[in-house]
């Protein structure tokens, strides 16, 4: 398996996020990717390399240009407000709720930040744009390997991506790596592509990007949005719109779900994927389904990820894994490589 590692990920290191009225240390930390890399090396698993750079046009196939311009200049604009901001991360304070206009780009940087975000838990730091852009390059490099005939590849990167929409960030995500990879597969000749999201939290950004399209099927197994972040999307009755009706499958599960029940939902998703007749599979690989995850609520154990990998291999599709969530930092490396090991051993 070819592994494309974002060696610039650590330049994005948020100090704090807003959580229920308090500033708390960020759960999304560089050690997450570092420990996966460490475990890959310890098991001598795969070929690890840096990705080649990608052009702006590749990212613009998924993300709106004005949003990308915002991300590229956000840090400078933040410091321009107050030089002391060089020592602080940027978090939004305002949001354009229903009836507010979103078509006009505000001159105020705080207003622009609110326009392009949906939570106060995703700090923009000095290295956010660099890390996110290099992460997108990892995902595209993995997609190119599938197009070249490889059975699988892994984009090991952070910040994660599946909560980012075409023109918004949130949930620690700024560029949607899985969606960028899926679009690169389409542009490279794959007629139909599936994105399967197995993160604990619904991939709202990926769903929004492909919701009205019939060529990319989105399936997600996740915590029930009645009680779980990101709360508003992710319900089972969301089936797509326009030409995309029937190309969206949400399988929400209650907090406390064990591996047996979770695996049943995964099998349901895989049956739908087989029926779609895809040429390639992109897996949004979240490991926050682990029983010890501090911000999630499923009960998968370390060895269960071997079985998950085997189940994904049984789909029989060229598969790109894109690293997403997983906040039980000490265990995330073992759990990730267990899943990849289960996939490659089948």
Protein backbone atom coordinates (compact mmCIF):
# COMPACT_ATOMS: atom_id res chain seq x y z
CA UNK A 1 0.00 0.00 0.00
CA UNK A 2 1.33 3.44 -0.93
CA UNK A 3 1.00 5.91 1.95
CA UNK A 4 1.08 9.64 1.28
CA UNK A 5 2.07 11.45 4.46
CA UNK A 6 1.48 15.13 5.12
CA UNK A 7 4.85 16.12 6.54
CA UNK A 8 3.53 19.67 7.03
CA UNK A 9 0.53 18.73 9.18
CA UNK A 10 2.09 19.86 12.47
CA UNK A 11 2.25 23.52 11.41
CA UNK A 12 -1.50 23.49 12.09
CA UNK A 13 -1.69 23.19 15.89
CA UNK A 14 -4.63 24.91 17.51
CA UNK A 15 -4.24 26.23 21.01
CA UNK A 16 -7.90 26.19 22.07
CA UNK A 17 -11.41 25.50 20.84
CA UNK A 18 -14.70 26.79 22.21
CA UNK A 19 -16.66 24.01 23.91
CA UNK A 20 -19.91 24.76 25.73
CA UNK A 21 -18.91 28.23 26.85
CA UNK A 22 -15.29 27.51 27.72
CA UNK A 23 -12.00 27.63 25.88
CA UNK A 24 -10.51 24.14 26.16
CA UNK A 25 -7.37 22.56 24.68
CA UNK A 26 -7.96 21.27 21.16
CA UNK A 27 -8.77 17.57 20.81
CA UNK A 28 -7.40 17.59 17.25
CA UNK A 29 -3.62 17.58 17.81
CA UNK A 30 -0.51 16.73 15.75
CA UNK A 31 0.17 13.62 17.84
CA UNK A 32 -2.78 11.93 16.14
CA UNK A 33 -0.97 11.66 12.81
CA UNK A 34 2.46 11.26 14.43
CA UNK A 35 1.38 8.12 16.25
CA UNK A 36 -0.17 6.60 13.13
CA UNK A 37 3.11 7.20 11.31
CA UNK A 38 5.01 5.67 14.20
CA UNK A 39 2.86 2.53 14.12
CA UNK A 40 3.18 2.20 10.34
CA UNK A 41 6.96 2.30 10.68
CA UNK A 42 7.01 -0.07 13.64
CA UNK A 43 5.11 -2.68 11.62
CA UNK A 44 7.00 -1.83 8.43
CA UNK A 45 3.66 -1.33 6.77
CA UNK A 46 3.50 0.19 3.31
CA UNK A 47 5.64 2.63 1.37
CA UNK A 48 5.58 6.10 2.95
CA UNK A 49 6.21 9.15 0.79
CA UNK A 50 5.37 12.83 0.41
CA UNK A 51 2.83 13.86 -2.23
CA UNK A 52 3.62 16.00 -5.25
CA UNK A 53 2.11 19.51 -5.18
CA UNK A 54 -1.30 20.13 -6.70
CA UNK A 55 -2.67 23.03 -8.71
CA UNK A 56 -5.32 25.42 -7.42
CA UNK A 57 -7.66 24.14 -10.13
CA UNK A 58 -7.76 20.68 -8.53
CA UNK A 59 -9.04 22.07 -5.22
CA UNK A 60 -11.40 24.43 -7.01
CA UNK A 61 -13.18 21.42 -8.50
CA UNK A 62 -14.69 21.01 -5.01
CA UNK A 63 -14.28 24.30 -3.14
CA UNK A 64 -15.55 27.77 -4.05
CA UNK A 65 -12.81 30.22 -5.09
CA UNK A 66 -13.90 32.94 -2.65
CA UNK A 67 -13.72 30.43 0.21
CA UNK A 68 -10.22 29.32 -0.82
CA UNK A 69 -9.14 32.95 -1.03
CA UNK A 70 -10.45 33.45 2.50
CA UNK A 71 -8.43 30.50 3.83
CA UNK A 72 -5.28 31.55 2.01
CA UNK A 73 -5.31 35.06 3.54
CA UNK A 74 -7.10 34.42 6.85
CA UNK A 75 -4.02 34.47 9.04
CA UNK A 76 -2.72 37.74 7.60
CA UNK A 77 -6.17 39.31 7.84
CA UNK A 78 -6.47 38.19 11.45
CA UNK A 79 -3.16 39.77 12.42
CA UNK A 80 -4.04 42.93 10.49
CA UNK A 81 -6.94 43.43 12.92
CA UNK A 82 -4.51 43.54 15.84
CA UNK A 83 -0.78 42.68 15.84
CA UNK A 84 -1.32 40.89 19.18
CA UNK A 85 -3.38 38.33 17.25
CA UNK A 86 -0.09 36.81 16.10
CA UNK A 87 -0.11 35.04 19.48
CA UNK A 88 -3.77 33.98 19.24
CA UNK A 89 -5.70 31.59 17.02
CA UNK A 90 -8.69 32.91 15.11
CA UNK A 91 -12.16 31.69 16.11
CA UNK A 92 -15.45 33.02 14.69
CA UNK A 93 -17.86 35.13 16.71
CA UNK A 94 -20.74 35.83 14.30
CA UNK A 95 -22.82 33.74 11.89
CA UNK A 96 -25.35 34.66 9.18
CA UNK A 97 -28.39 32.75 10.39
CA UNK A 98 -31.65 32.41 8.40
CA UNK A 99 -32.77 35.52 6.47
CA UNK A 100 -29.24 37.03 6.61
CA UNK A 101 -27.51 37.61 3.28
CA UNK A 102 -24.58 35.41 2.28
CA UNK A 103 -24.08 36.52 -1.32
CA UNK A 104 -22.18 39.69 -0.39
CA UNK A 105 -18.62 39.19 0.88
CA UNK A 106 -18.18 41.42 3.96
CA UNK A 107 -15.21 43.74 4.26
CA UNK A 108 -14.92 42.83 7.95
CA UNK A 109 -12.67 39.83 8.56
CA UNK A 110 -14.67 38.60 11.61
CA UNK A 111 -17.80 38.74 9.45
CA UNK A 112 -16.10 36.78 6.67
CA UNK A 113 -14.97 34.17 9.19
CA UNK A 114 -18.56 33.74 10.33
CA UNK A 115 -19.77 33.53 6.75
CA UNK A 116 -17.44 30.61 6.02
CA UNK A 117 -17.77 28.63 9.28
CA UNK A 118 -20.37 26.69 11.22
CA UNK A 119 -18.81 26.27 14.68
CA UNK A 120 -16.39 27.90 17.11
CA UNK A 121 -14.33 24.75 17.59
CA UNK A 122 -12.02 24.99 14.57
CA UNK A 123 -9.23 27.50 15.16
CA UNK A 124 -7.35 28.97 12.22
CA UNK A 125 -3.65 29.02 13.07
CA UNK A 126 -0.47 30.25 11.43
CA UNK A 127 -0.11 26.97 9.53
CA UNK A 128 -3.73 26.01 8.79
CA UNK A 129 -3.71 26.81 5.07
CA UNK A 130 -0.33 25.17 4.47
CA UNK A 131 -1.28 21.99 6.33
CA UNK A 132 -4.73 21.74 4.73
CA UNK A 133 -3.42 22.31 1.21
CA UNK A 134 -0.66 19.71 1.63
CA UNK A 135 -3.29 17.30 2.99
CA UNK A 136 -5.37 17.73 -0.15
CA UNK A 137 -2.25 16.88 -2.15
CA UNK A 138 -1.96 13.61 -0.19
CA UNK A 139 -5.54 12.69 -1.07
CA UNK A 140 -5.08 13.49 -4.76
CA UNK A 141 -1.82 11.51 -4.88
CA UNK A 142 -3.68 8.52 -3.45
CA UNK A 143 -6.43 8.90 -6.04
CA UNK A 144 -3.83 8.97 -8.79
CA UNK A 145 -2.40 5.67 -7.56
CA UNK A 146 -5.83 4.05 -7.85
CA UNK A 147 -6.21 5.42 -11.36
CA UNK A 148 -2.81 3.93 -12.17
CA UNK A 149 -4.01 0.49 -11.11
CA UNK A 150 -3.10 0.17 -7.44
CA UNK A 151 -5.53 -1.74 -5.24
CA UNK A 152 -5.27 0.72 -2.35
CA UNK A 153 -3.58 3.82 -0.94
CA UNK A 154 -3.69 5.79 2.30
CA UNK A 155 -3.64 9.58 2.74
CA UNK A 156 -2.26 10.16 6.24
CA UNK A 157 -2.98 13.79 6.90
CA UNK A 158 -4.45 16.33 9.25
CA UNK A 159 -6.39 18.55 9.76
CA UNK A 160 -9.22 16.19 8.79
CA UNK A 161 -11.65 17.12 6.03
CA UNK A 162 -15.09 15.53 5.99
CA UNK A 163 -16.93 18.35 7.78
CA UNK A 164 -15.72 20.97 5.29
CA UNK A 165 -18.20 21.91 2.58
CA UNK A 166 -17.59 23.65 -0.69
CA UNK A 167 -17.54 27.03 1.08
CA UNK A 168 -17.41 26.41 4.83
CA UNK A 169 -15.18 24.99 7.54
CA UNK A 170 -15.93 23.41 10.91
CA UNK A 171 -15.42 20.26 12.91
CA UNK A 172 -11.62 20.77 12.70
CA UNK A 173 -11.90 20.55 8.87
CA UNK A 174 -10.94 23.15 6.23
CA UNK A 175 -10.49 21.31 2.91
CA UNK A 176 -12.51 18.18 2.21
CA UNK A 177 -9.78 15.69 1.33
CA UNK A 178 -12.14 12.78 0.61
CA UNK A 179 -14.31 14.89 -1.70
CA UNK A 180 -11.27 16.29 -3.50
CA UNK A 181 -10.01 12.72 -4.01
CA UNK A 182 -13.41 11.52 -5.25
CA UNK A 183 -13.55 14.37 -7.75
CA UNK A 184 -10.00 13.62 -8.89
CA UNK A 185 -11.05 10.01 -9.51
CA UNK A 186 -14.01 11.20 -11.57
CA UNK A 187 -11.85 13.62 -13.52
CA UNK A 188 -9.31 10.86 -14.10
CA UNK A 189 -11.83 8.56 -15.74
CA UNK A 190 -13.71 6.72 -12.97
CA UNK A 191 -17.35 6.82 -14.06
CA UNK A 192 -18.83 6.25 -10.61
CA UNK A 193 -17.21 6.77 -7.22
CA UNK A 194 -18.31 6.01 -3.66
CA UNK A 195 -17.33 7.90 -0.53
CA UNK A 196 -17.93 5.76 2.56
CA UNK A 197 -17.64 7.68 5.82
CA UNK A 198 -17.03 5.56 8.92
CA UNK A 199 -16.10 8.40 11.28
CA UNK A 200 -18.25 8.65 14.42
CA UNK A 201 -19.45 12.06 13.27
CA UNK A 202 -21.50 12.48 10.11
CA UNK A 203 -19.54 13.76 7.11
CA UNK A 204 -21.84 16.71 6.54
CA UNK A 205 -19.43 18.51 4.23
CA UNK A 206 -19.01 15.54 1.91
CA UNK A 207 -22.76 14.97 1.81
CA UNK A 208 -23.39 18.62 0.94
CA UNK A 209 -20.82 18.59 -1.87
CA UNK A 210 -22.31 15.56 -3.64
CA UNK A 211 -25.95 15.72 -2.53
CA UNK A 212 -27.35 16.60 -5.96
CA UNK A 213 -25.08 14.35 -8.00
CA UNK A 214 -25.68 10.83 -9.26
CA UNK A 215 -22.06 10.00 -10.12
CA UNK A 216 -20.75 10.02 -6.53
CA UNK A 217 -22.54 7.88 -3.94
CA UNK A 218 -22.14 8.98 -0.32
CA UNK A 219 -22.73 6.53 2.52
CA UNK A 220 -22.17 7.23 6.20
CA UNK A 221 -22.36 5.19 9.41
CA UNK A 222 -22.34 7.63 12.31
CA UNK A 223 -23.73 8.79 15.63
CA UNK A 224 -27.39 9.82 15.61
CA UNK A 225 -27.62 13.59 14.96
CA UNK A 226 -30.46 13.84 17.48
CA UNK A 227 -27.70 13.83 20.09
CA UNK A 228 -24.35 13.87 18.25
CA UNK A 229 -22.28 16.49 16.41
CA UNK A 230 -22.75 17.99 13.83
CA UNK A 231 -26.41 17.65 14.91
CA UNK A 232 -28.34 19.12 12.00
CA UNK A 233 -27.59 16.82 9.01
CA UNK A 234 -27.13 13.06 8.95
CA UNK A 235 -30.68 11.73 9.29
CA UNK A 236 -31.78 8.58 7.51
CA UNK A 237 -34.35 10.38 5.36
CA UNK A 238 -31.64 12.40 3.60
CA UNK A 239 -31.46 10.49 0.31
CA UNK A 240 -30.10 13.12 -2.08
CA UNK A 241 -31.76 15.75 -4.26
CA UNK A 242 -32.29 16.37 -7.96
CA UNK A 243 -30.32 13.88 -10.02
CA UNK A 244 -28.70 12.71 -6.78
CA UNK A 245 -31.85 11.19 -5.28
CA UNK A 246 -30.94 7.70 -4.11
CA UNK A 247 -27.18 8.39 -4.11
CA UNK A 248 -27.02 9.34 -0.43
CA UNK A 249 -27.31 6.84 2.44
CA UNK A 250 -27.18 7.77 6.11
CA UNK A 251 -27.12 5.08 8.78
CA UNK A 252 -27.28 6.87 12.15
CA UNK A 253 -26.77 4.78 15.28
CA UNK A 254 -27.35 5.58 18.96
CA UNK A 255 -24.59 6.38 21.42
CA UNK A 256 -23.38 3.16 23.04
CA UNK A 257 -23.63 1.05 19.86
CA UNK A 258 -21.34 -2.00 20.04
CA UNK A 259 -19.32 -3.55 17.24
CA UNK A 260 -21.88 -6.20 16.32
CA UNK A 261 -24.59 -3.61 15.63
CA UNK A 262 -22.15 -1.20 14.01
CA UNK A 263 -20.93 -3.96 11.70
CA UNK A 264 -24.49 -4.69 10.61
CA UNK A 265 -24.82 -1.07 9.53
CA UNK A 266 -21.50 -1.27 7.70
CA UNK A 267 -22.74 -4.33 5.82
CA UNK A 268 -25.89 -2.45 4.86
CA UNK A 269 -23.75 0.35 3.48
CA UNK A 270 -21.56 -2.11 1.57
CA UNK A 271 -24.62 -3.75 0.02
CA UNK A 272 -25.76 -0.35 -1.23
CA UNK A 273 -22.27 0.34 -2.55
CA UNK A 274 -22.26 -2.90 -4.50
CA UNK A 275 -25.61 -1.97 -6.00
CA UNK A 276 -24.25 1.38 -7.12
CA UNK A 277 -21.65 -0.24 -9.36
CA UNK A 278 -18.74 2.02 -8.49
CA UNK A 279 -15.29 2.02 -10.05
CA UNK A 280 -13.50 3.22 -6.91
CA UNK A 281 -14.07 3.67 -3.18
CA UNK A 282 -12.87 6.51 -0.96
CA UNK A 283 -13.09 5.76 2.78
CA UNK A 284 -13.29 8.67 5.19
CA UNK A 285 -11.36 6.81 7.86
CA UNK A 286 -12.39 8.02 11.29
CA UNK A 287 -11.18 6.01 14.27
CA UNK A 288 -13.32 7.87 16.82
CA UNK A 289 -15.67 4.87 16.86
CA UNK A 290 -13.21 3.43 19.40
CA UNK A 291 -14.64 2.78 22.87
CA UNK A 292 -12.09 5.05 24.54
CA UNK A 293 -12.59 8.09 22.35
CA UNK A 294 -13.14 11.19 24.52
CA UNK A 295 -15.66 12.97 22.26
CA UNK A 296 -17.58 10.04 20.78
CA UNK A 297 -19.84 7.23 21.91
CA UNK A 298 -19.49 3.90 20.08
CA UNK A 299 -17.83 0.83 21.60
CA UNK A 300 -15.46 -0.63 19.01
CA UNK A 301 -12.26 -2.21 20.33
CA UNK A 302 -8.81 -2.40 18.86
CA UNK A 303 -9.13 -5.85 17.30
CA UNK A 304 -12.48 -4.93 15.77
CA UNK A 305 -10.67 -2.73 13.27
CA UNK A 306 -9.04 -5.80 11.75
CA UNK A 307 -12.54 -7.07 10.92
CA UNK A 308 -13.53 -3.66 9.55
CA UNK A 309 -10.58 -3.77 7.18
CA UNK A 310 -11.56 -7.26 6.03
CA UNK A 311 -15.13 -6.12 5.40
CA UNK A 312 -13.96 -3.16 3.34
CA UNK A 313 -11.65 -5.39 1.30
CA UNK A 314 -14.60 -7.65 0.49
CA UNK A 315 -16.16 -4.77 -1.45
CA UNK A 316 -13.59 -5.59 -4.13
CA UNK A 317 -12.98 -1.98 -5.17
CA UNK A 318 -9.80 0.06 -5.58
CA UNK A 319 -9.82 1.86 -2.24
CA UNK A 320 -8.31 5.09 -0.96
CA UNK A 321 -8.28 5.60 2.80
CA UNK A 322 -8.28 9.22 3.97
CA UNK A 323 -7.48 9.86 7.64
CA UNK A 324 -10.24 11.73 9.50
CA UNK A 325 -11.09 11.71 13.22
CA UNK A 326 -9.90 9.67 16.19
CA UNK A 327 -9.13 11.44 19.45
CA UNK A 328 -8.07 8.63 21.78
CA UNK A 329 -4.58 9.69 20.84
CA UNK A 330 -2.61 6.87 22.49
CA UNK A 331 -4.60 4.21 20.62
CA UNK A 332 -5.21 5.86 17.27
CA UNK A 333 -2.05 4.52 15.65
CA UNK A 334 -2.71 0.89 16.52
CA UNK A 335 -6.38 1.11 15.55
CA UNK A 336 -5.60 2.73 12.20
CA UNK A 337 -2.94 0.23 11.21
CA UNK A 338 -5.10 -2.67 12.42
CA UNK A 339 -7.76 -1.61 9.93
CA UNK A 340 -5.26 -1.24 7.10
CA UNK A 341 -3.73 -4.58 8.03
CA UNK A 342 -7.12 -6.25 7.91
CA UNK A 343 -7.73 -4.77 4.47
CA UNK A 344 -4.40 -5.82 2.96
CA UNK A 345 -4.46 -9.32 4.47
CA UNK A 346 -7.64 -10.25 2.60
